[in-house]
Amino acid sequence: MKIALAQVLSTSDPQHNLVTIRDHAKQAKEAGASLVIFPEAMQVAFGNDLTQVAQPLDGPWATLVRQLARDIGITIIAGMFTPGEGHRVRNTLVVAGADVDTHYDKIHLYDAFGYAESDSVTPGSTPVQFEHEGSTVGLATCYDLRFPRLFIRNAVSGAAVNVVSASWGAGDGKVEQWTTLAKARALDSTTFVVAVDQADPVSVGRKLHGTAPLGVGHSLVVDPLGRVIAQAGAEPELLVVDLDLTVLDTARKQLPVLSNSVDL
């Protein structure tokens, strides 16, 4: 399975962000990828009024993402915001391609490090997987990366790959935590973990304001035995990786944590 990790910077303009998706999806297709993964909050960056841009899944923004996937001939995963309860939104990953049209609402909300995502976001409740080229792919968003059970649930449901789209908050040791957690979740679930973050705004000279999580870069792919097989730096980058899914059976024979697990 050849995939592309689009480590980009979303902005306050949803239309500009669609152009970013279009351009990187085209580059991914030209590089031979059949799936391109964008970060969380691709519709609009955190730090903006999410309620003003939230749209239903049949609204214009998601519809245009589906159109781009059809026109380019690639499956796209991208983060957006859909209406939630009251004056809140849902933090949603939309998945669009020739054979897939699904979405995942972020379950674990980022109420940590001085930020309260639950103030503006309604949590999801249901793990989601989809089929791509005969393999199952599980979905997760940012703070979900700290919770092993979601990744294990996806694996038990058949996932060979767990995708994480993120806008990871900056701070002391946060890059190390991001990398360590991706490795841990791969080992917990014996799946490939494909973790795609927003690029670090500082890497392109943007000044940071407030506590909104805007990304630290360092998107990476980890194999089922916890080995990093590709990783980006802090700057915007399109990382194309060919996943050798044949290693999955070997990894699960060597490390049968899914079958050895017991309920305590």
C-alpha atoms as a PDB file:
ATOM      1  CA  MET A   1       0.000   0.000   0.000  1.00  0.00           C
ATOM      2  CA  LYS A   2       1.622   3.231  -1.143  1.00  0.00           C
ATOM      3  CA  ILE A   3       0.532   6.192   0.974  1.00  0.00           C
ATOM      4  CA  ALA A   4       1.374   9.864   1.314  1.00  0.00           C
ATOM      5  CA  LEU A   5       1.596  11.911   4.507  1.00  0.00           C
ATOM      6  CA  ALA A   6       0.768  15.543   3.734  1.00  0.00           C
ATOM      7  CA  GLN A   7       2.415  17.505   6.541  1.00  0.00           C
ATOM      8  CA  VAL A   8       1.027  20.943   5.784  1.00  0.00           C
ATOM      9  CA  LEU A   9      -0.163  24.099   7.545  1.00  0.00           C
ATOM     10  CA  SER A  10      -3.871  24.868   7.392  1.00  0.00           C
ATOM     11  CA  THR A  11      -5.009  28.477   7.642  1.00  0.00           C
ATOM     12  CA  SER A  12      -8.096  30.433   8.660  1.00  0.00           C
ATOM     13  CA  ASP A  13      -9.422  30.226   5.075  1.00  0.00           C
ATOM     14  CA  PRO A  14     -11.278  26.961   4.220  1.00  0.00           C
ATOM     15  CA  GLN A  15     -11.045  27.658   0.466  1.00  0.00           C
ATOM     16  CA  HIS A  16      -7.280  28.162   0.631  1.00  0.00           C
ATOM     17  CA  ASN A  17      -7.047  24.909   2.572  1.00  0.00           C
ATOM     18  CA  LEU A  18      -8.960  23.098  -0.189  1.00  0.00           C
ATOM     19  CA  VAL A  19      -6.330  24.321  -2.665  1.00  0.00           C
ATOM     20  CA  THR A  20      -3.651  22.877  -0.367  1.00  0.00           C
ATOM     21  CA  ILE A  21      -5.493  19.562  -0.352  1.00  0.00           C
ATOM     22  CA  ARG A  22      -5.864  19.606  -4.133  1.00  0.00           C
ATOM     23  CA  ASP A  23      -2.198  20.382  -4.799  1.00  0.00           C
ATOM     24  CA  HIS A  24      -0.827  17.809  -2.371  1.00  0.00           C
ATOM     25  CA  ALA A  25      -3.291  15.128  -3.464  1.00  0.00           C
ATOM     26  CA  LYS A  26      -2.139  15.636  -7.057  1.00  0.00           C
ATOM     27  CA  GLN A  27       1.508  15.351  -6.011  1.00  0.00           C
ATOM     28  CA  ALA A  28       0.732  12.206  -4.025  1.00  0.00           C
ATOM     29  CA  LYS A  29      -1.051  10.645  -6.999  1.00  0.00           C
ATOM     30  CA  GLU A  30       1.855  11.506  -9.308  1.00  0.00           C
ATOM     31  CA  ALA A  31       4.193   9.806  -6.816  1.00  0.00           C
ATOM     32  CA  GLY A  32       2.132   6.631  -7.027  1.00  0.00           C
ATOM     33  CA  ALA A  33       0.218   6.866  -3.756  1.00  0.00           C
ATOM     34  CA  SER A  34      -3.360   5.600  -3.581  1.00  0.00           C
ATOM     35  CA  LEU A  35      -4.099   7.226  -0.201  1.00  0.00           C
ATOM     36  CA  VAL A  36      -3.121  10.702   1.017  1.00  0.00           C
ATOM     37  CA  ILE A  37      -3.556  11.669   4.660  1.00  0.00           C
ATOM     38  CA  PHE A  38      -3.884  15.264   5.814  1.00  0.00           C
ATOM     39  CA  PRO A  39      -3.797  16.538   9.393  1.00  0.00           C
ATOM     40  CA  GLU A  40      -6.593  17.312  11.784  1.00  0.00           C
ATOM     41  CA  ALA A  41      -8.185  20.784  11.398  1.00  0.00           C
ATOM     42  CA  MET A  42      -7.552  20.982   7.647  1.00  0.00           C
ATOM     43  CA  GLN A  43     -10.794  22.837   7.017  1.00  0.00           C
ATOM     44  CA  VAL A  44      -9.647  25.600   9.342  1.00  0.00           C
ATOM     45  CA  ALA A  45      -6.774  25.865  11.802  1.00  0.00           C
ATOM     46  CA  PHE A  46      -7.395  25.838  15.526  1.00  0.00           C
ATOM     47  CA  GLY A  47      -7.509  29.290  17.068  1.00  0.00           C
ATOM     48  CA  ASN A  48     -10.391  30.338  14.800  1.00  0.00           C
ATOM     49  CA  ASP A  49     -14.134  30.349  15.503  1.00  0.00           C
ATOM     50  CA  LEU A  50     -14.989  26.742  14.687  1.00  0.00           C
ATOM     51  CA  THR A  51     -18.746  27.250  14.918  1.00  0.00           C
ATOM     52  CA  GLN A  52     -18.589  29.750  12.057  1.00  0.00           C
ATOM     53  CA  VAL A  53     -17.008  27.252   9.663  1.00  0.00           C
ATOM     54  CA  ALA A  54     -18.548  23.938  10.793  1.00  0.00           C
ATOM     55  CA  GLN A  55     -20.563  22.267   8.041  1.00  0.00           C
ATOM     56  CA  PRO A  56     -22.491  19.002   7.750  1.00  0.00           C
ATOM     57  CA  LEU A  57     -20.906  16.130   5.882  1.00  0.00           C
ATOM     58  CA  ASP A  58     -23.117  16.856   2.886  1.00  0.00           C
ATOM     59  CA  GLY A  59     -22.106  20.532   2.949  1.00  0.00           C
ATOM     60  CA  PRO A  60     -19.909  22.277   0.379  1.00  0.00           C
ATOM     61  CA  TRP A  61     -16.492  21.742   2.000  1.00  0.00           C
ATOM     62  CA  ALA A  62     -16.731  17.954   2.383  1.00  0.00           C
ATOM     63  CA  THR A  63     -18.471  17.711  -1.001  1.00  0.00           C
ATOM     64  CA  LEU A  64     -15.502  19.435  -2.627  1.00  0.00           C
ATOM     65  CA  VAL A  65     -13.080  17.065  -0.865  1.00  0.00           C
ATOM     66  CA  ARG A  66     -15.031  14.151  -2.366  1.00  0.00           C
ATOM     67  CA  GLN A  67     -14.924  15.800  -5.774  1.00  0.00           C
ATOM     68  CA  LEU A  68     -11.156  16.247  -5.520  1.00  0.00           C
ATOM     69  CA  ALA A  69     -10.752  12.574  -4.587  1.00  0.00           C
ATOM     70  CA  ARG A  70     -12.796  11.536  -7.632  1.00  0.00           C
ATOM     71  CA  ASP A  71     -11.099  13.921 -10.038  1.00  0.00           C
ATOM     72  CA  ILE A  72      -7.568  13.041  -8.925  1.00  0.00           C
ATOM     73  CA  GLY A  73      -8.244   9.332  -8.438  1.00  0.00           C
ATOM     74  CA  ILE A  74      -6.961   9.024  -4.874  1.00  0.00           C
ATOM     75  CA  THR A  75      -8.437   8.431  -1.438  1.00  0.00           C
ATOM     76  CA  ILE A  76      -8.233  11.483   0.834  1.00  0.00           C
ATOM     77  CA  ILE A  77      -8.367  11.698   4.640  1.00  0.00           C
ATOM     78  CA  ALA A  78      -8.687  15.214   6.040  1.00  0.00           C
ATOM     79  CA  GLY A  79      -9.814  16.874   9.262  1.00  0.00           C
ATOM     80  CA  MET A  80     -12.849  19.164   9.352  1.00  0.00           C
ATOM     81  CA  PHE A  81     -15.515  20.372  11.783  1.00  0.00           C
ATOM     82  CA  THR A  82     -19.152  19.319  11.680  1.00  0.00           C
ATOM     83  CA  PRO A  83     -22.044  20.593  13.811  1.00  0.00           C
ATOM     84  CA  GLY A  84     -22.135  19.233  17.372  1.00  0.00           C
ATOM     85  CA  GLU A  85     -24.417  19.629  20.358  1.00  0.00           C
ATOM     86  CA  GLY A  86     -25.469  23.083  21.466  1.00  0.00           C
ATOM     87  CA  HIS A  87     -22.906  25.655  20.366  1.00  0.00           C
ATOM     88  CA  ARG A  88     -20.166  23.080  19.941  1.00  0.00           C
ATOM     89  CA  VAL A  89     -18.808  21.262  16.873  1.00  0.00           C
ATOM     90  CA  ARG A  90     -17.493  17.760  16.223  1.00  0.00           C
ATOM     91  CA  ASN A  91     -13.844  17.212  15.297  1.00  0.00           C
ATOM     92  CA  THR A  92     -14.325  15.024  12.235  1.00  0.00           C
ATOM     93  CA  LEU A  93     -12.094  13.123   9.844  1.00  0.00           C
ATOM     94  CA  VAL A  94     -13.667  12.774   6.420  1.00  0.00           C
ATOM     95  CA  VAL A  95     -12.542   9.868   4.223  1.00  0.00           C
ATOM     96  CA  ALA A  96     -13.334  10.131   0.523  1.00  0.00           C
ATOM     97  CA  GLY A  97     -12.400   7.934  -2.419  1.00  0.00           C
ATOM     98  CA  ALA A  98     -13.755   5.844  -5.247  1.00  0.00           C
ATOM     99  CA  ASP A  99     -14.733   3.027  -2.897  1.00  0.00           C
ATOM    100  CA  VAL A 100     -15.158   4.822   0.419  1.00  0.00           C
ATOM    101  CA  ASP A 101     -17.222   7.641   1.903  1.00  0.00           C
ATOM    102  CA  THR A 102     -17.058   7.624   5.682  1.00  0.00           C
ATOM    103  CA  HIS A 103     -16.071   9.739   8.660  1.00  0.00           C
ATOM    104  CA  TYR A 104     -14.796   9.515  12.222  1.00  0.00           C
ATOM    105  CA  ASP A 105     -15.635  11.878  15.080  1.00  0.00           C
ATOM    106  CA  LYS A 106     -12.778  12.333  17.549  1.00  0.00           C
ATOM    107  CA  ILE A 107     -13.508  10.426  20.765  1.00  0.00           C
ATOM    108  CA  HIS A 108     -10.851  11.687  23.195  1.00  0.00           C
ATOM    109  CA  LEU A 109     -10.901  15.463  23.529  1.00  0.00           C
ATOM    110  CA  TYR A 110      -7.761  17.455  24.276  1.00  0.00           C
ATOM    111  CA  ASP A 111      -8.434  18.763  27.770  1.00  0.00           C
ATOM    112  CA  ALA A 112      -4.770  18.925  28.701  1.00  0.00           C
ATOM    113  CA  PHE A 113      -1.742  21.239  28.879  1.00  0.00           C
ATOM    114  CA  GLY A 114      -3.971  24.237  29.551  1.00  0.00           C
ATOM    115  CA  TYR A 115      -6.286  23.703  26.566  1.00  0.00           C
ATOM    116  CA  ALA A 116      -9.939  22.610  26.849  1.00  0.00           C
ATOM    117  CA  GLU A 117     -11.164  21.178  23.553  1.00  0.00           C
ATOM    118  CA  SER A 118     -14.391  20.050  25.237  1.00  0.00           C
ATOM    119  CA  ASP A 119     -15.421  23.697  25.610  1.00  0.00           C
ATOM    120  CA  SER A 120     -16.008  23.866  21.868  1.00  0.00           C
ATOM    121  CA  VAL A 121     -16.180  20.242  20.689  1.00  0.00           C
ATOM    122  CA  THR A 122     -18.673  17.421  21.227  1.00  0.00           C
ATOM    123  CA  PRO A 123     -16.908  14.036  21.521  1.00  0.00           C
ATOM    124  CA  GLY A 124     -17.580  11.103  19.249  1.00  0.00           C
ATOM    125  CA  SER A 125     -18.274   7.642  20.614  1.00  0.00           C
ATOM    126  CA  THR A 126     -17.695   5.106  17.847  1.00  0.00           C
ATOM    127  CA  PRO A 127     -14.414   3.698  16.461  1.00  0.00           C
ATOM    128  CA  VAL A 128     -14.333   3.666  12.653  1.00  0.00           C
ATOM    129  CA  GLN A 129     -12.473   1.541  10.135  1.00  0.00           C
ATOM    130  CA  PHE A 130     -12.630   1.427   6.343  1.00  0.00           C
ATOM    131  CA  GLU A 131     -11.330  -0.802   3.561  1.00  0.00           C
ATOM    132  CA  HIS A 132      -8.554   0.295   1.230  1.00  0.00           C
ATOM    133  CA  GLU A 133      -6.997  -1.962  -1.401  1.00  0.00           C
ATOM    134  CA  GLY A 134      -8.205  -5.043   0.445  1.00  0.00           C
ATOM    135  CA  SER A 135      -6.838  -3.978   3.853  1.00  0.00           C
ATOM    136  CA  THR A 136      -8.577  -2.413   6.834  1.00  0.00           C
ATOM    137  CA  VAL A 137      -7.542   1.039   8.045  1.00  0.00           C
ATOM    138  CA  GLY A 138      -8.498   2.402  11.484  1.00  0.00           C
ATOM    139  CA  LEU A 139      -8.919   6.089  12.249  1.00  0.00           C
ATOM    140  CA  ALA A 140      -7.798   8.264  15.155  1.00  0.00           C
ATOM    141  CA  THR A 141      -7.307  11.973  15.796  1.00  0.00           C
ATOM    142  CA  CYS A 142      -4.510  13.678  17.738  1.00  0.00           C
ATOM    143  CA  TYR A 143      -5.170  13.200  21.505  1.00  0.00           C
ATOM    144  CA  ASP A 144      -6.566   9.734  20.700  1.00  0.00           C
ATOM    145  CA  LEU A 145      -2.900   8.752  20.316  1.00  0.00           C
ATOM    146  CA  ARG A 146      -2.578   8.643  24.110  1.00  0.00           C
ATOM    147  CA  PHE A 147      -5.276   5.949  24.482  1.00  0.00           C
ATOM    148  CA  PRO A 148      -4.223   2.399  23.531  1.00  0.00           C
ATOM    149  CA  ARG A 149      -7.705   0.865  23.620  1.00  0.00           C
ATOM    150  CA  LEU A 150      -8.855   2.668  20.478  1.00  0.00           C
ATOM    151  CA  PHE A 151      -5.919   1.325  18.477  1.00  0.00           C
ATOM    152  CA  ILE A 152      -6.389  -2.173  19.852  1.00  0.00           C
ATOM    153  CA  ARG A 153     -10.126  -1.980  19.074  1.00  0.00           C
ATOM    154  CA  ASN A 154      -9.327  -1.049  15.487  1.00  0.00           C
ATOM    155  CA  ALA A 155      -6.839  -3.918  15.242  1.00  0.00           C
ATOM    156  CA  VAL A 156      -9.305  -6.439  16.677  1.00  0.00           C
ATOM    157  CA  SER A 157     -11.763  -5.174  14.050  1.00  0.00           C
ATOM    158  CA  GLY A 158      -9.225  -6.104  11.377  1.00  0.00           C
ATOM    159  CA  ALA A 159      -7.082  -2.993  10.964  1.00  0.00           C
ATOM    160  CA  ALA A 160      -3.614  -3.495   9.533  1.00  0.00           C
ATOM    161  CA  VAL A 161      -3.017   0.261   9.598  1.00  0.00           C
ATOM    162  CA  ASN A 162      -4.014   2.904  12.145  1.00  0.00           C
ATOM    163  CA  VAL A 163      -4.055   6.462  10.790  1.00  0.00           C
ATOM    164  CA  VAL A 164      -3.683   9.400  13.164  1.00  0.00           C
ATOM    165  CA  SER A 165      -4.401  12.913  11.905  1.00  0.00           C
ATOM    166  CA  ALA A 166      -3.220  15.590  14.313  1.00  0.00           C
ATOM    167  CA  SER A 167      -2.620  19.220  15.124  1.00  0.00           C
ATOM    168  CA  TRP A 168      -0.288  18.410  18.004  1.00  0.00           C
ATOM    169  CA  GLY A 169       0.238  21.070  20.650  1.00  0.00           C
ATOM    170  CA  ALA A 170       3.748  22.460  21.004  1.00  0.00           C
ATOM    171  CA  GLY A 171       5.663  22.477  24.272  1.00  0.00           C
ATOM    172  CA  ASP A 172       8.576  21.029  26.178  1.00  0.00           C
ATOM    173  CA  GLY A 173       9.066  17.392  25.207  1.00  0.00           C
ATOM    174  CA  LYS A 174       5.974  17.272  22.987  1.00  0.00           C
ATOM    175  CA  VAL A 175       7.812  16.072  19.857  1.00  0.00           C
ATOM    176  CA  GLU A 176       9.349  13.239  21.881  1.00  0.00           C
ATOM    177  CA  GLN A 177       5.937  12.336  23.293  1.00  0.00           C
ATOM    178  CA  TRP A 178       4.421  12.313  19.795  1.00  0.00           C
ATOM    179  CA  THR A 179       7.077   9.942  18.475  1.00  0.00           C
ATOM    180  CA  THR A 180       7.092   7.706  21.559  1.00  0.00           C
ATOM    181  CA  LEU A 181       3.309   7.388  21.595  1.00  0.00           C
ATOM    182  CA  ALA A 182       3.179   6.478  17.905  1.00  0.00           C
ATOM    183  CA  LYS A 183       5.705   3.694  18.528  1.00  0.00           C
ATOM    184  CA  ALA A 184       3.796   2.499  21.592  1.00  0.00           C
ATOM    185  CA  ARG A 185       0.459   2.359  19.770  1.00  0.00           C
ATOM    186  CA  ALA A 186       2.048   0.348  16.953  1.00  0.00           C
ATOM    187  CA  LEU A 187       3.370  -2.145  19.503  1.00  0.00           C
ATOM    188  CA  ASP A 188       0.081  -2.229  21.455  1.00  0.00           C
ATOM    189  CA  SER A 189      -1.912  -3.069  18.349  1.00  0.00           C
ATOM    190  CA  THR A 190       0.703  -4.663  16.061  1.00  0.00           C
ATOM    191  CA  THR A 191      -0.426  -2.377  13.250  1.00  0.00           C
ATOM    192  CA  PHE A 192       1.317   0.173  11.110  1.00  0.00           C
ATOM    193  CA  VAL A 193       0.750   3.572  12.699  1.00  0.00           C
ATOM    194  CA  VAL A 194       0.697   6.449  10.236  1.00  0.00           C
ATOM    195  CA  ALA A 195       0.736   9.674  12.252  1.00  0.00           C
ATOM    196  CA  VAL A 196       0.308  12.888  10.249  1.00  0.00           C
ATOM    197  CA  ASP A 197       0.706  16.221  12.023  1.00  0.00           C
ATOM    198  CA  GLN A 198       0.380  19.829  10.972  1.00  0.00           C
ATOM    199  CA  ALA A 199       3.795  21.292  10.212  1.00  0.00           C
ATOM    200  CA  ASP A 200       5.381  23.461  12.874  1.00  0.00           C
ATOM    201  CA  PRO A 201       4.301  27.078  12.182  1.00  0.00           C
ATOM    202  CA  VAL A 202       7.572  28.342  13.640  1.00  0.00           C
ATOM    203  CA  SER A 203       9.453  26.460  10.903  1.00  0.00           C
ATOM    204  CA  VAL A 204       8.014  28.865   8.314  1.00  0.00           C
ATOM    205  CA  GLY A 205       8.337  31.984  10.446  1.00  0.00           C
ATOM    206  CA  ARG A 206       4.828  32.196  11.877  1.00  0.00           C
ATOM    207  CA  LYS A 207       4.478  33.647  15.346  1.00  0.00           C
ATOM    208  CA  LEU A 208       2.459  31.704  17.901  1.00  0.00           C
ATOM    209  CA  HIS A 209      -0.392  33.273  19.858  1.00  0.00           C
ATOM    210  CA  GLY A 210      -2.545  31.706  22.571  1.00  0.00           C
ATOM    211  CA  THR A 211      -2.814  28.036  23.489  1.00  0.00           C
ATOM    212  CA  ALA A 212      -4.385  26.614  20.314  1.00  0.00           C
ATOM    213  CA  PRO A 213      -2.550  23.433  19.183  1.00  0.00           C
ATOM    214  CA  LEU A 214      -1.102  24.238  15.764  1.00  0.00           C
ATOM    215  CA  GLY A 215       1.317  21.376  15.134  1.00  0.00           C
ATOM    216  CA  VAL A 216       4.935  20.397  15.656  1.00  0.00           C
ATOM    217  CA  GLY A 217       5.547  18.431  12.448  1.00  0.00           C
ATOM    218  CA  HIS A 218       7.575  15.211  12.636  1.00  0.00           C
ATOM    219  CA  SER A 219       4.909  13.077  10.949  1.00  0.00           C
ATOM    220  CA  LEU A 220       5.979   9.455  10.957  1.00  0.00           C
ATOM    221  CA  VAL A 221       5.238   5.873   9.985  1.00  0.00           C
ATOM    222  CA  VAL A 222       5.883   3.086  12.481  1.00  0.00           C
ATOM    223  CA  ASP A 223       5.779  -0.606  11.625  1.00  0.00           C
ATOM    224  CA  PRO A 224       3.973  -3.240  13.762  1.00  0.00           C
ATOM    225  CA  LEU A 225       7.132  -3.923  15.793  1.00  0.00           C
ATOM    226  CA  GLY A 226       7.621  -0.276  16.721  1.00  0.00           C
ATOM    227  CA  ARG A 227      10.291   0.600  14.173  1.00  0.00           C
ATOM    228  CA  VAL A 228      10.154   4.059  12.584  1.00  0.00           C
ATOM    229  CA  ILE A 229      10.355   3.520   8.838  1.00  0.00           C
ATOM    230  CA  ALA A 230       9.868   7.133   7.752  1.00  0.00           C
ATOM    231  CA  GLN A 231       9.717  10.509   9.481  1.00  0.00           C
ATOM    232  CA  ALA A 232       9.456  14.139   8.423  1.00  0.00           C
ATOM    233  CA  GLY A 233      11.087  17.136  10.038  1.00  0.00           C
ATOM    234  CA  ALA A 234       9.341  20.240  11.358  1.00  0.00           C
ATOM    235  CA  GLU A 235       8.739  21.937   7.988  1.00  0.00           C
ATOM    236  CA  PRO A 236       5.926  21.293   5.494  1.00  0.00           C
ATOM    237  CA  GLU A 237       6.625  18.104   3.561  1.00  0.00           C
ATOM    238  CA  LEU A 238       4.917  15.425   1.476  1.00  0.00           C
ATOM    239  CA  LEU A 239       6.237  12.074   2.668  1.00  0.00           C
ATOM    240  CA  VAL A 240       5.488   9.102   0.382  1.00  0.00           C
ATOM    241  CA  VAL A 241       5.870   5.644   1.920  1.00  0.00           C
ATOM    242  CA  ASP A 242       5.296   2.143   0.571  1.00  0.00           C
ATOM    243  CA  LEU A 243       3.893  -0.059   3.354  1.00  0.00           C
ATOM    244  CA  ASP A 244       4.908  -3.715   3.143  1.00  0.00           C
ATOM    245  CA  LEU A 245       1.787  -5.247   4.665  1.00  0.00           C
ATOM    246  CA  THR A 246       3.257  -8.740   4.382  1.00  0.00           C
ATOM    247  CA  VAL A 247       5.253  -8.077   7.562  1.00  0.00           C
ATOM    248  CA  LEU A 248       2.021  -7.919   9.585  1.00  0.00           C
ATOM    249  CA  ASP A 249       1.550 -11.686   9.927  1.00  0.00           C
ATOM    250  CA  THR A 250       5.182 -12.157  10.939  1.00  0.00           C
ATOM    251  CA  ALA A 251       4.955  -9.388  13.516  1.00  0.00           C
ATOM    252  CA  ARG A 252       1.810 -10.848  15.055  1.00  0.00           C
ATOM    253  CA  LYS A 253       3.399 -14.291  15.280  1.00  0.00           C
ATOM    254  CA  GLN A 254       6.460 -12.817  16.982  1.00  0.00           C
ATOM    255  CA  LEU A 255       4.438 -10.492  19.220  1.00  0.00           C
ATOM    256  CA  PRO A 256       0.947 -11.990  19.697  1.00  0.00           C
ATOM    257  CA  VAL A 257      -0.316  -9.302  22.083  1.00  0.00           C
ATOM    258  CA  LEU A 258      -3.786  -9.296  20.520  1.00  0.00           C
ATOM    259  CA  SER A 259      -4.300 -13.001  21.102  1.00  0.00           C
ATOM    260  CA  ASN A 260      -2.491 -12.978  24.477  1.00  0.00           C
ATOM    261  CA  SER A 261      -4.599 -10.152  25.890  1.00  0.00           C
ATOM    262  CA  VAL A 262      -6.816 -10.916  28.893  1.00  0.00           C
ATOM    263  CA  ASP A 263      -9.522  -8.810  30.494  1.00  0.00           C
ATOM    264  CA  LEU A 264      -8.536  -7.784  34.020  1.00  0.00           C
END
